């Protein structure tokens, strides 16, 4: 999608996707989250990676709590993000149980650095990406702060986005610093992205 100034288009799409997600009933969301979670936990991507970088979901995102619980129970190294104050960067900390989370930036649950060890090796693993939407080229519509794009610039492992089918588009506007996911998973299944 070629547009000179993509910011207004992204803002409109963010509002559209938030509305689509908020319009889901609690029962619909549970059903969609369950389908995504089961597909993810049965996937080769999950089984093949011993290190899992994963976001902690908010109310309108694909729920990752069961993914986090199962990965911890399966003995994987589970790392979740914590925003660095005064920057648009984040670190990942190893999570051993969900009780190690606390309310952090933007009201999102983050690891308590007093209880969790910082992970510094970004050379391997699977990073599960949050977004309001993804497209068929793997590009994501985030929340506009750029945290994940900055992190992905130094991450060498695999990337997988979680989304609902209602927020999976043919094409989304993206800029030169936007990083595409290698896989996108919705309740309907996996899409393998052919990265350029």
N, C-alpha and C. Protein backbone atom coordinates (compact mmCIF):
# COMPACT_ATOMS: atom_id res chain seq x y z
N UNK A 1 0.85 -1.17 0.00
CA UNK A 1 0.00 0.00 0.00
C UNK A 1 0.89 1.23 0.00
N UNK A 2 0.89 2.00 -1.05
CA UNK A 2 1.77 3.15 -1.19
C UNK A 2 1.02 4.44 -0.90
N UNK A 3 1.37 5.08 0.21
CA UNK A 3 0.72 6.31 0.64
C UNK A 3 1.81 7.26 1.13
N UNK A 4 1.72 8.55 0.81
CA UNK A 4 2.75 9.50 1.22
C UNK A 4 2.84 9.59 2.74
N UNK A 5 1.77 10.05 3.40
CA UNK A 5 1.76 10.15 4.84
C UNK A 5 0.81 9.08 5.38
N UNK A 6 1.39 8.03 5.94
CA UNK A 6 0.57 6.89 6.36
C UNK A 6 -0.03 7.07 7.76
N UNK A 7 0.38 8.11 8.48
CA UNK A 7 -0.08 8.26 9.87
C UNK A 7 -1.60 8.38 10.01
N UNK A 8 -2.25 9.24 9.20
CA UNK A 8 -3.72 9.32 9.34
C UNK A 8 -4.42 8.02 8.99
N UNK A 9 -3.89 7.30 8.01
CA UNK A 9 -4.48 6.02 7.62
C UNK A 9 -4.33 5.01 8.75
N UNK A 10 -3.14 4.99 9.36
CA UNK A 10 -2.91 4.08 10.49
C UNK A 10 -3.84 4.41 11.66
N UNK A 11 -4.02 5.71 11.93
CA UNK A 11 -4.92 6.10 13.02
C UNK A 11 -6.34 5.62 12.78
N UNK A 12 -6.80 5.77 11.54
CA UNK A 12 -8.15 5.32 11.20
C UNK A 12 -8.26 3.80 11.36
N UNK A 13 -7.26 3.08 10.89
CA UNK A 13 -7.27 1.61 11.00
C UNK A 13 -7.18 1.16 12.45
N UNK A 14 -6.41 1.87 13.27
CA UNK A 14 -6.34 1.52 14.69
C UNK A 14 -7.72 1.63 15.34
N UNK A 15 -8.40 2.73 15.06
CA UNK A 15 -9.74 2.93 15.63
C UNK A 15 -10.69 1.84 15.14
N UNK A 16 -10.59 1.49 13.87
CA UNK A 16 -11.45 0.45 13.28
C UNK A 16 -11.21 -0.90 13.95
N UNK A 17 -9.94 -1.25 14.13
CA UNK A 17 -9.60 -2.55 14.72
C UNK A 17 -9.98 -2.60 16.20
N UNK A 18 -9.78 -1.50 16.92
CA UNK A 18 -10.17 -1.47 18.32
C UNK A 18 -11.68 -1.67 18.44
N UNK A 19 -12.44 -1.03 17.55
CA UNK A 19 -13.89 -1.17 17.58
C UNK A 19 -14.32 -2.60 17.28
N UNK A 20 -13.68 -3.23 16.29
CA UNK A 20 -13.99 -4.62 15.95
C UNK A 20 -13.75 -5.53 17.16
N UNK A 21 -12.65 -5.31 17.85
CA UNK A 21 -12.33 -6.16 19.00
C UNK A 21 -13.26 -5.91 20.17
N UNK A 22 -13.57 -4.64 20.40
CA UNK A 22 -14.48 -4.31 21.51
C UNK A 22 -15.89 -4.82 21.26
N UNK A 23 -16.25 -5.01 19.99
CA UNK A 23 -17.60 -5.46 19.67
C UNK A 23 -17.78 -6.97 19.89
N UNK A 24 -16.68 -7.69 20.10
CA UNK A 24 -16.79 -9.12 20.39
C UNK A 24 -17.40 -9.32 21.77
N UNK A 25 -18.33 -10.24 21.89
CA UNK A 25 -18.86 -10.56 23.21
C UNK A 25 -17.78 -11.32 23.99
N UNK A 26 -17.94 -11.39 25.30
CA UNK A 26 -16.98 -12.12 26.13
C UNK A 26 -16.88 -13.58 25.69
N UNK A 27 -18.03 -14.18 25.35
CA UNK A 27 -18.05 -15.59 24.91
C UNK A 27 -17.34 -15.74 23.57
N UNK A 28 -17.57 -14.81 22.64
CA UNK A 28 -16.90 -14.87 21.33
C UNK A 28 -15.40 -14.74 21.50
N UNK A 29 -14.98 -13.79 22.34
CA UNK A 29 -13.55 -13.59 22.53
C UNK A 29 -12.90 -14.83 23.15
N UNK A 30 -13.55 -15.42 24.16
CA UNK A 30 -13.00 -16.65 24.76
C UNK A 30 -12.84 -17.75 23.73
N UNK A 31 -13.84 -17.89 22.86
CA UNK A 31 -13.79 -18.93 21.83
C UNK A 31 -12.65 -18.68 20.85
N UNK A 32 -12.50 -17.44 20.40
CA UNK A 32 -11.42 -17.10 19.48
C UNK A 32 -10.05 -17.28 20.14
N UNK A 33 -9.92 -16.80 21.38
CA UNK A 33 -8.65 -16.93 22.10
C UNK A 33 -8.28 -18.39 22.28
N UNK A 34 -9.26 -19.22 22.62
CA UNK A 34 -9.01 -20.64 22.81
C UNK A 34 -8.53 -21.31 21.52
N UNK A 35 -9.15 -20.94 20.40
CA UNK A 35 -8.76 -21.52 19.11
C UNK A 35 -7.33 -21.12 18.74
N UNK A 36 -6.99 -19.84 18.93
CA UNK A 36 -5.64 -19.37 18.63
C UNK A 36 -4.64 -20.06 19.55
N UNK A 37 -4.95 -20.13 20.83
CA UNK A 37 -4.04 -20.73 21.82
C UNK A 37 -3.75 -22.19 21.48
N UNK A 38 -4.79 -22.97 21.20
CA UNK A 38 -4.58 -24.39 20.90
C UNK A 38 -3.77 -24.58 19.62
N UNK A 39 -4.05 -23.79 18.60
CA UNK A 39 -3.26 -23.89 17.36
C UNK A 39 -1.80 -23.54 17.63
N UNK A 40 -1.60 -22.51 18.43
CA UNK A 40 -0.23 -22.10 18.74
C UNK A 40 0.52 -23.18 19.51
N UNK A 41 -0.09 -23.73 20.55
CA UNK A 41 0.59 -24.71 21.40
C UNK A 41 0.85 -26.02 20.68
N UNK A 42 0.09 -26.30 19.63
CA UNK A 42 0.31 -27.52 18.85
C UNK A 42 1.25 -27.30 17.66
N UNK A 43 1.70 -26.08 17.48
CA UNK A 43 2.48 -25.74 16.29
C UNK A 43 3.93 -26.18 16.37
N UNK A 44 4.52 -26.37 15.22
CA UNK A 44 5.94 -26.68 15.12
C UNK A 44 6.78 -25.51 15.63
N UNK A 45 6.31 -24.29 15.37
CA UNK A 45 7.05 -23.10 15.82
C UNK A 45 7.19 -23.10 17.34
N UNK A 46 6.13 -23.44 18.03
CA UNK A 46 6.19 -23.50 19.49
C UNK A 46 7.08 -24.65 19.96
N UNK A 47 6.88 -25.83 19.39
CA UNK A 47 7.65 -27.01 19.82
C UNK A 47 9.14 -26.86 19.56
N UNK A 48 9.50 -26.20 18.46
CA UNK A 48 10.91 -26.14 18.04
C UNK A 48 11.74 -25.10 18.79
N UNK A 49 11.10 -24.20 19.51
CA UNK A 49 11.84 -23.12 20.17
C UNK A 49 11.80 -23.28 21.69
N UNK A 50 12.98 -23.28 22.29
CA UNK A 50 13.08 -23.40 23.74
C UNK A 50 12.94 -22.06 24.44
N UNK A 51 13.11 -20.97 23.69
CA UNK A 51 12.98 -19.62 24.25
C UNK A 51 11.77 -18.96 23.60
N UNK A 52 10.87 -18.47 24.44
CA UNK A 52 9.65 -17.82 23.95
C UNK A 52 9.61 -16.39 24.46
N UNK A 53 9.66 -15.43 23.54
CA UNK A 53 9.46 -14.02 23.84
C UNK A 53 7.97 -13.76 23.59
N UNK A 54 7.25 -13.32 24.59
CA UNK A 54 5.80 -13.19 24.41
C UNK A 54 5.25 -12.00 25.18
N UNK A 55 4.35 -11.28 24.53
CA UNK A 55 3.70 -10.15 25.20
C UNK A 55 2.68 -10.66 26.22
N UNK A 56 2.36 -9.81 27.18
CA UNK A 56 1.29 -10.08 28.14
C UNK A 56 0.08 -9.30 27.64
N UNK A 57 -0.98 -10.01 27.32
CA UNK A 57 -2.11 -9.40 26.62
C UNK A 57 -2.91 -8.42 27.46
N UNK A 58 -3.49 -7.44 26.77
CA UNK A 58 -4.47 -6.54 27.36
C UNK A 58 -5.85 -7.09 27.02
N UNK A 59 -6.89 -6.39 27.47
CA UNK A 59 -8.27 -6.89 27.29
C UNK A 59 -8.67 -7.06 25.83
N UNK A 60 -8.14 -6.23 24.93
CA UNK A 60 -8.59 -6.32 23.53
C UNK A 60 -7.65 -7.13 22.65
N UNK A 61 -6.57 -7.65 23.21
CA UNK A 61 -5.62 -8.43 22.42
C UNK A 61 -5.93 -9.92 22.52
N UNK A 62 -5.37 -10.69 21.59
CA UNK A 62 -5.45 -12.14 21.71
C UNK A 62 -4.82 -12.52 23.04
N UNK A 63 -5.56 -13.24 23.87
CA UNK A 63 -5.14 -13.57 25.23
C UNK A 63 -3.93 -14.51 25.21
N UNK A 64 -2.85 -14.09 25.90
CA UNK A 64 -1.64 -14.92 25.93
C UNK A 64 -1.41 -15.60 27.27
N UNK A 65 -2.29 -15.43 28.24
CA UNK A 65 -2.02 -15.97 29.57
C UNK A 65 -1.87 -17.49 29.58
N UNK A 66 -2.72 -18.19 28.85
CA UNK A 66 -2.60 -19.65 28.82
C UNK A 66 -1.34 -20.07 28.09
N UNK A 67 -0.96 -19.33 27.06
CA UNK A 67 0.30 -19.60 26.36
C UNK A 67 1.47 -19.46 27.33
N UNK A 68 1.47 -18.40 28.11
CA UNK A 68 2.54 -18.17 29.08
C UNK A 68 2.58 -19.29 30.12
N UNK A 69 1.40 -19.65 30.67
CA UNK A 69 1.34 -20.72 31.68
C UNK A 69 1.87 -22.04 31.13
N UNK A 70 1.41 -22.40 29.93
CA UNK A 70 1.82 -23.68 29.35
C UNK A 70 3.30 -23.70 29.01
N UNK A 71 3.81 -22.60 28.50
CA UNK A 71 5.24 -22.55 28.15
C UNK A 71 6.10 -22.68 29.40
N UNK A 72 5.70 -22.04 30.48
CA UNK A 72 6.43 -22.17 31.74
C UNK A 72 6.36 -23.63 32.22
N UNK A 73 5.17 -24.22 32.17
CA UNK A 73 5.00 -25.62 32.59
C UNK A 73 5.79 -26.57 31.71
N UNK A 74 5.94 -26.23 30.44
CA UNK A 74 6.71 -27.07 29.50
C UNK A 74 8.21 -26.90 29.64
N UNK A 75 8.63 -26.04 30.55
CA UNK A 75 10.06 -25.86 30.80
C UNK A 75 10.77 -24.93 29.84
N UNK A 76 10.03 -24.15 29.09
CA UNK A 76 10.66 -23.21 28.18
C UNK A 76 11.14 -21.97 28.95
N UNK A 77 12.12 -21.28 28.39
CA UNK A 77 12.51 -19.98 28.91
C UNK A 77 11.51 -18.98 28.36
N UNK A 78 10.72 -18.40 29.25
CA UNK A 78 9.65 -17.48 28.84
C UNK A 78 10.07 -16.06 29.22
N UNK A 79 10.15 -15.19 28.22
CA UNK A 79 10.57 -13.81 28.46
C UNK A 79 9.47 -12.85 28.03
N UNK A 80 9.15 -11.91 28.90
CA UNK A 80 8.10 -10.93 28.61
C UNK A 80 8.68 -9.52 28.70
N UNK A 81 8.08 -8.57 27.97
CA UNK A 81 8.68 -7.23 27.87
C UNK A 81 8.36 -6.29 29.02
N UNK A 82 9.32 -5.41 29.28
CA UNK A 82 9.14 -4.30 30.22
C UNK A 82 9.67 -3.05 29.54
N UNK A 83 8.84 -2.01 29.45
CA UNK A 83 9.24 -0.75 28.82
C UNK A 83 10.28 -0.06 29.70
N UNK A 84 11.28 0.54 29.05
CA UNK A 84 12.32 1.28 29.77
C UNK A 84 11.85 2.73 29.89
N UNK A 85 11.73 3.20 31.12
CA UNK A 85 11.22 4.56 31.38
C UNK A 85 12.00 5.61 30.59
N UNK A 86 11.26 6.56 30.01
CA UNK A 86 11.87 7.67 29.31
C UNK A 86 12.38 7.35 27.92
N UNK A 87 12.10 6.13 27.45
CA UNK A 87 12.56 5.74 26.10
C UNK A 87 11.40 5.06 25.37
N UNK A 88 11.66 4.66 24.17
CA UNK A 88 10.71 3.82 23.42
C UNK A 88 11.37 2.46 23.16
N UNK A 89 12.08 2.01 24.16
CA UNK A 89 12.77 0.72 24.12
C UNK A 89 12.19 -0.17 25.20
N UNK A 90 12.44 -1.46 25.07
CA UNK A 90 12.00 -2.39 26.11
C UNK A 90 13.03 -3.50 26.29
N UNK A 91 13.06 -4.03 27.50
CA UNK A 91 13.88 -5.20 27.82
C UNK A 91 12.93 -6.37 28.03
N UNK A 92 13.48 -7.58 27.93
CA UNK A 92 12.69 -8.78 28.22
C UNK A 92 13.25 -9.44 29.47
N UNK A 93 12.32 -9.88 30.34
CA UNK A 93 12.69 -10.54 31.59
C UNK A 93 12.11 -11.94 31.62
N UNK A 94 12.86 -12.85 32.23
CA UNK A 94 12.42 -14.25 32.32
C UNK A 94 11.33 -14.37 33.38
N UNK A 95 10.21 -14.95 32.97
CA UNK A 95 9.05 -15.10 33.85
C UNK A 95 8.95 -16.56 34.28
N UNK A 96 8.86 -16.80 35.59
CA UNK A 96 8.72 -18.16 36.11
C UNK A 96 7.30 -18.46 36.54
N UNK A 97 6.54 -17.41 36.83
CA UNK A 97 5.12 -17.56 37.17
C UNK A 97 4.43 -16.22 36.95
N UNK A 98 3.13 -16.27 36.71
CA UNK A 98 2.40 -15.04 36.38
C UNK A 98 2.33 -14.07 37.55
N UNK A 99 2.54 -14.55 38.77
CA UNK A 99 2.52 -13.66 39.93
C UNK A 99 3.70 -12.69 39.94
N UNK A 100 4.68 -12.91 39.06
CA UNK A 100 5.82 -12.00 38.97
C UNK A 100 5.52 -10.77 38.12
N UNK A 101 4.29 -10.66 37.62
CA UNK A 101 3.88 -9.51 36.82
C UNK A 101 3.31 -8.42 37.71
N UNK A 102 3.49 -7.17 37.28
CA UNK A 102 2.93 -6.02 37.98
C UNK A 102 2.46 -5.00 36.95
N UNK A 103 1.59 -4.10 37.36
CA UNK A 103 1.10 -3.07 36.44
C UNK A 103 2.25 -2.14 36.08
N UNK A 104 2.41 -1.92 34.77
CA UNK A 104 3.53 -1.10 34.31
C UNK A 104 3.09 -0.03 33.35
N UNK A 105 3.91 0.23 32.35
CA UNK A 105 3.65 1.27 31.36
C UNK A 105 2.31 1.05 30.66
N UNK A 106 1.56 2.13 30.49
CA UNK A 106 0.30 2.10 29.76
C UNK A 106 -0.73 1.15 30.39
N UNK A 107 -0.53 0.80 31.68
CA UNK A 107 -1.46 -0.09 32.36
C UNK A 107 -1.30 -1.55 31.97
N UNK A 108 -0.23 -1.87 31.25
CA UNK A 108 0.03 -3.24 30.81
C UNK A 108 0.81 -3.98 31.89
N UNK A 109 0.50 -5.26 32.09
CA UNK A 109 1.27 -6.05 33.05
C UNK A 109 2.68 -6.28 32.52
N UNK A 110 3.65 -6.04 33.39
CA UNK A 110 5.07 -6.19 33.04
C UNK A 110 5.78 -6.99 34.13
N UNK A 111 6.92 -7.59 33.79
CA UNK A 111 7.67 -8.33 34.81
C UNK A 111 8.24 -7.38 35.86
N UNK A 112 8.21 -7.83 37.10
CA UNK A 112 8.81 -7.09 38.21
C UNK A 112 10.32 -7.32 38.16
N UNK A 113 11.12 -6.28 37.87
CA UNK A 113 12.57 -6.49 37.72
C UNK A 113 13.26 -6.93 39.01
N UNK A 114 12.61 -6.73 40.15
CA UNK A 114 13.19 -7.19 41.42
C UNK A 114 13.03 -8.70 41.57
N UNK A 115 12.10 -9.29 40.83
CA UNK A 115 11.83 -10.72 40.95
C UNK A 115 12.24 -11.53 39.72
N UNK A 116 12.52 -10.83 38.61
CA UNK A 116 12.81 -11.52 37.35
C UNK A 116 14.19 -11.14 36.83
N UNK A 117 14.82 -12.09 36.16
CA UNK A 117 16.15 -11.85 35.59
C UNK A 117 16.01 -11.36 34.15
N UNK A 118 16.79 -10.32 33.81
CA UNK A 118 16.76 -9.78 32.45
C UNK A 118 17.41 -10.76 31.48
N UNK A 119 16.78 -10.96 30.33
CA UNK A 119 17.34 -11.80 29.27
C UNK A 119 18.10 -10.88 28.32
N UNK A 120 19.33 -11.26 27.99
CA UNK A 120 20.14 -10.39 27.12
C UNK A 120 20.49 -11.04 25.78
N UNK A 121 20.19 -12.33 25.63
CA UNK A 121 20.51 -13.03 24.39
C UNK A 121 19.29 -12.99 23.47
N UNK A 122 19.36 -12.18 22.42
CA UNK A 122 18.27 -12.04 21.46
C UNK A 122 18.58 -12.76 20.15
N UNK A 123 19.47 -13.74 20.22
CA UNK A 123 19.93 -14.40 18.99
C UNK A 123 19.06 -15.58 18.57
N UNK A 124 18.18 -16.05 19.44
CA UNK A 124 17.38 -17.22 19.11
C UNK A 124 16.06 -17.17 19.85
N UNK A 125 15.15 -18.03 19.44
CA UNK A 125 13.85 -18.10 20.09
C UNK A 125 12.74 -17.68 19.15
N UNK A 126 11.52 -17.71 19.69
CA UNK A 126 10.33 -17.32 18.95
C UNK A 126 9.73 -16.12 19.65
N UNK A 127 9.52 -15.04 18.90
CA UNK A 127 8.91 -13.83 19.46
C UNK A 127 7.47 -13.73 18.98
N UNK A 128 6.54 -13.76 19.94
CA UNK A 128 5.12 -13.63 19.64
C UNK A 128 4.77 -12.15 19.69
N UNK A 129 4.30 -11.64 18.56
CA UNK A 129 4.09 -10.21 18.40
C UNK A 129 2.64 -9.79 18.63
N UNK A 130 2.43 -8.74 19.40
CA UNK A 130 1.09 -8.17 19.53
C UNK A 130 0.85 -7.19 18.39
N UNK A 131 -0.39 -6.94 18.08
CA UNK A 131 -0.74 -5.91 17.09
C UNK A 131 -2.25 -5.76 17.08
N UNK A 132 -2.68 -4.63 16.58
CA UNK A 132 -4.12 -4.45 16.35
C UNK A 132 -4.54 -5.19 15.09
N UNK A 133 -3.61 -5.31 14.12
CA UNK A 133 -3.90 -6.00 12.87
C UNK A 133 -2.60 -6.46 12.23
N UNK A 134 -2.73 -7.47 11.36
CA UNK A 134 -1.62 -7.92 10.51
C UNK A 134 -2.14 -7.98 9.09
N UNK A 135 -1.19 -8.04 8.14
CA UNK A 135 -1.61 -8.24 6.75
C UNK A 135 -0.90 -9.46 6.16
N UNK A 136 -1.23 -9.76 4.91
CA UNK A 136 -0.73 -10.98 4.27
C UNK A 136 0.77 -10.94 3.98
N UNK A 137 1.38 -9.76 4.15
CA UNK A 137 2.83 -9.64 4.00
C UNK A 137 3.54 -9.66 5.36
N UNK A 138 2.77 -9.89 6.43
CA UNK A 138 3.35 -9.97 7.76
C UNK A 138 3.50 -8.65 8.48
N UNK A 139 3.12 -7.56 7.80
CA UNK A 139 3.24 -6.26 8.47
C UNK A 139 2.16 -6.11 9.53
N UNK A 140 2.51 -5.41 10.59
CA UNK A 140 1.61 -5.27 11.72
C UNK A 140 1.22 -3.81 11.91
N UNK A 141 0.03 -3.64 12.41
CA UNK A 141 -0.44 -2.33 12.83
C UNK A 141 -0.38 -2.33 14.34
N UNK A 142 0.65 -1.67 14.87
CA UNK A 142 0.82 -1.62 16.32
C UNK A 142 0.07 -0.44 16.91
N UNK A 143 0.53 -0.02 18.06
CA UNK A 143 -0.14 1.07 18.77
C UNK A 143 0.52 2.42 18.52
N UNK A 144 1.54 2.43 17.68
CA UNK A 144 2.13 3.70 17.24
C UNK A 144 3.34 4.17 18.00
N UNK A 145 3.84 3.38 18.94
CA UNK A 145 4.99 3.82 19.74
C UNK A 145 6.32 3.28 19.22
N UNK A 146 6.29 2.18 18.45
CA UNK A 146 7.50 1.65 17.84
C UNK A 146 8.36 0.76 18.71
N UNK A 147 7.86 0.35 19.88
CA UNK A 147 8.65 -0.49 20.79
C UNK A 147 9.09 -1.78 20.11
N UNK A 148 8.16 -2.48 19.49
CA UNK A 148 8.51 -3.78 18.90
C UNK A 148 9.39 -3.63 17.66
N UNK A 149 9.17 -2.60 16.87
CA UNK A 149 10.04 -2.41 15.70
C UNK A 149 11.49 -2.19 16.14
N UNK A 150 11.68 -1.44 17.21
CA UNK A 150 13.05 -1.23 17.73
C UNK A 150 13.62 -2.54 18.27
N UNK A 151 12.81 -3.30 18.99
CA UNK A 151 13.30 -4.58 19.50
C UNK A 151 13.64 -5.53 18.36
N UNK A 152 12.78 -5.63 17.37
CA UNK A 152 13.00 -6.58 16.28
C UNK A 152 14.23 -6.26 15.45
N UNK A 153 14.67 -5.01 15.48
CA UNK A 153 15.89 -4.63 14.75
C UNK A 153 17.12 -5.35 15.30
N UNK A 154 17.03 -5.80 16.58
CA UNK A 154 18.18 -6.51 17.17
C UNK A 154 17.87 -7.97 17.50
N UNK A 155 16.70 -8.44 17.09
CA UNK A 155 16.28 -9.82 17.38
C UNK A 155 16.56 -10.71 16.17
N UNK A 156 17.19 -11.88 16.40
CA UNK A 156 17.57 -12.76 15.30
C UNK A 156 16.75 -14.04 15.20
N UNK A 157 15.79 -14.21 16.10
CA UNK A 157 14.99 -15.43 16.08
C UNK A 157 13.81 -15.35 15.13
N UNK A 158 12.84 -16.24 15.34
CA UNK A 158 11.64 -16.28 14.52
C UNK A 158 10.57 -15.34 15.08
N UNK A 159 9.69 -14.88 14.22
CA UNK A 159 8.63 -13.97 14.65
C UNK A 159 7.26 -14.48 14.20
N UNK A 160 6.30 -14.37 15.10
CA UNK A 160 4.94 -14.85 14.83
C UNK A 160 3.94 -13.87 15.42
N UNK A 161 3.00 -13.43 14.61
CA UNK A 161 1.98 -12.50 15.07
C UNK A 161 0.69 -13.22 15.38
N UNK A 162 0.00 -12.78 16.43
CA UNK A 162 -1.31 -13.32 16.79
C UNK A 162 -2.38 -12.28 16.45
N UNK A 163 -3.44 -12.71 15.79
CA UNK A 163 -4.51 -11.78 15.41
C UNK A 163 -5.82 -12.54 15.27
N UNK A 164 -6.90 -11.78 15.30
CA UNK A 164 -8.20 -12.34 14.95
C UNK A 164 -8.40 -12.15 13.45
N UNK A 165 -9.12 -13.08 12.82
CA UNK A 165 -9.37 -13.00 11.38
C UNK A 165 -10.00 -11.66 10.99
N UNK A 166 -10.85 -11.11 11.85
CA UNK A 166 -11.50 -9.84 11.54
C UNK A 166 -10.51 -8.68 11.45
N UNK A 167 -9.30 -8.88 11.96
CA UNK A 167 -8.26 -7.84 11.90
C UNK A 167 -7.05 -8.33 11.10
N UNK A 168 -7.31 -9.18 10.10
CA UNK A 168 -6.27 -9.66 9.20
C UNK A 168 -6.60 -9.12 7.81
N UNK A 169 -5.74 -8.26 7.29
CA UNK A 169 -6.00 -7.51 6.07
C UNK A 169 -5.14 -8.02 4.90
N UNK A 170 -5.61 -7.72 3.70
CA UNK A 170 -4.79 -8.01 2.51
C UNK A 170 -3.51 -7.18 2.55
N UNK A 171 -3.65 -5.91 2.91
CA UNK A 171 -2.50 -5.00 2.91
C UNK A 171 -2.71 -3.90 3.94
N UNK A 172 -1.64 -3.55 4.64
CA UNK A 172 -1.65 -2.45 5.60
C UNK A 172 -0.56 -1.45 5.21
N UNK A 173 -0.75 -0.17 5.51
CA UNK A 173 0.32 0.79 5.25
C UNK A 173 1.49 0.51 6.19
N UNK A 174 2.70 0.65 5.68
CA UNK A 174 3.87 0.44 6.53
C UNK A 174 5.01 1.34 6.06
N UNK A 175 5.90 1.63 6.99
CA UNK A 175 7.05 2.48 6.71
C UNK A 175 8.33 1.68 6.68
N UNK A 176 9.43 2.37 6.43
CA UNK A 176 10.71 1.68 6.23
C UNK A 176 11.25 1.02 7.50
N UNK A 177 10.77 1.47 8.67
CA UNK A 177 11.26 0.87 9.91
C UNK A 177 10.35 -0.24 10.42
N UNK A 178 9.22 -0.44 9.77
CA UNK A 178 8.29 -1.49 10.18
C UNK A 178 8.86 -2.85 9.82
N UNK A 179 8.77 -3.79 10.76
CA UNK A 179 9.32 -5.13 10.55
C UNK A 179 8.18 -6.13 10.40
N UNK A 180 8.27 -6.95 9.37
CA UNK A 180 7.22 -7.94 9.10
C UNK A 180 7.45 -9.21 9.91
N UNK A 181 6.35 -9.86 10.31
CA UNK A 181 6.41 -11.16 10.99
C UNK A 181 6.62 -12.26 9.95
N UNK A 182 7.22 -13.37 10.38
CA UNK A 182 7.41 -14.51 9.49
C UNK A 182 6.16 -15.37 9.40
N UNK A 183 5.37 -15.33 10.45
CA UNK A 183 4.13 -16.10 10.52
C UNK A 183 3.04 -15.24 11.13
N UNK A 184 1.82 -15.46 10.72
CA UNK A 184 0.67 -14.87 11.40
C UNK A 184 -0.29 -16.01 11.71
N UNK A 185 -0.80 -16.03 12.93
CA UNK A 185 -1.74 -17.06 13.36
C UNK A 185 -3.04 -16.41 13.79
N UNK A 186 -4.14 -16.86 13.21
CA UNK A 186 -5.48 -16.45 13.63
C UNK A 186 -6.23 -17.70 14.07
N UNK A 187 -7.46 -17.51 14.49
CA UNK A 187 -8.29 -18.66 14.87
C UNK A 187 -8.53 -19.60 13.70
N UNK A 188 -8.30 -19.12 12.48
CA UNK A 188 -8.52 -19.95 11.28
C UNK A 188 -7.28 -20.73 10.86
N UNK A 189 -6.12 -20.38 11.42
CA UNK A 189 -4.90 -21.11 11.08
C UNK A 189 -3.71 -20.21 10.82
N UNK A 190 -2.63 -20.82 10.32
CA UNK A 190 -1.37 -20.14 10.08
C UNK A 190 -1.29 -19.57 8.68
N UNK A 191 -0.60 -18.44 8.57
CA UNK A 191 -0.22 -17.88 7.27
C UNK A 191 1.29 -17.75 7.30
N UNK A 192 1.97 -18.41 6.36
CA UNK A 192 3.43 -18.30 6.24
C UNK A 192 3.72 -17.09 5.36
N UNK A 193 4.57 -16.20 5.84
CA UNK A 193 4.87 -14.98 5.12
C UNK A 193 6.15 -15.19 4.31
N UNK A 194 6.09 -14.87 3.03
CA UNK A 194 7.28 -14.92 2.19
C UNK A 194 7.96 -13.56 2.29
N UNK A 195 8.96 -13.48 3.16
CA UNK A 195 9.64 -12.19 3.37
C UNK A 195 10.51 -11.85 2.18
N UNK A 196 10.49 -10.58 1.82
CA UNK A 196 11.28 -10.09 0.67
C UNK A 196 12.75 -10.06 1.02
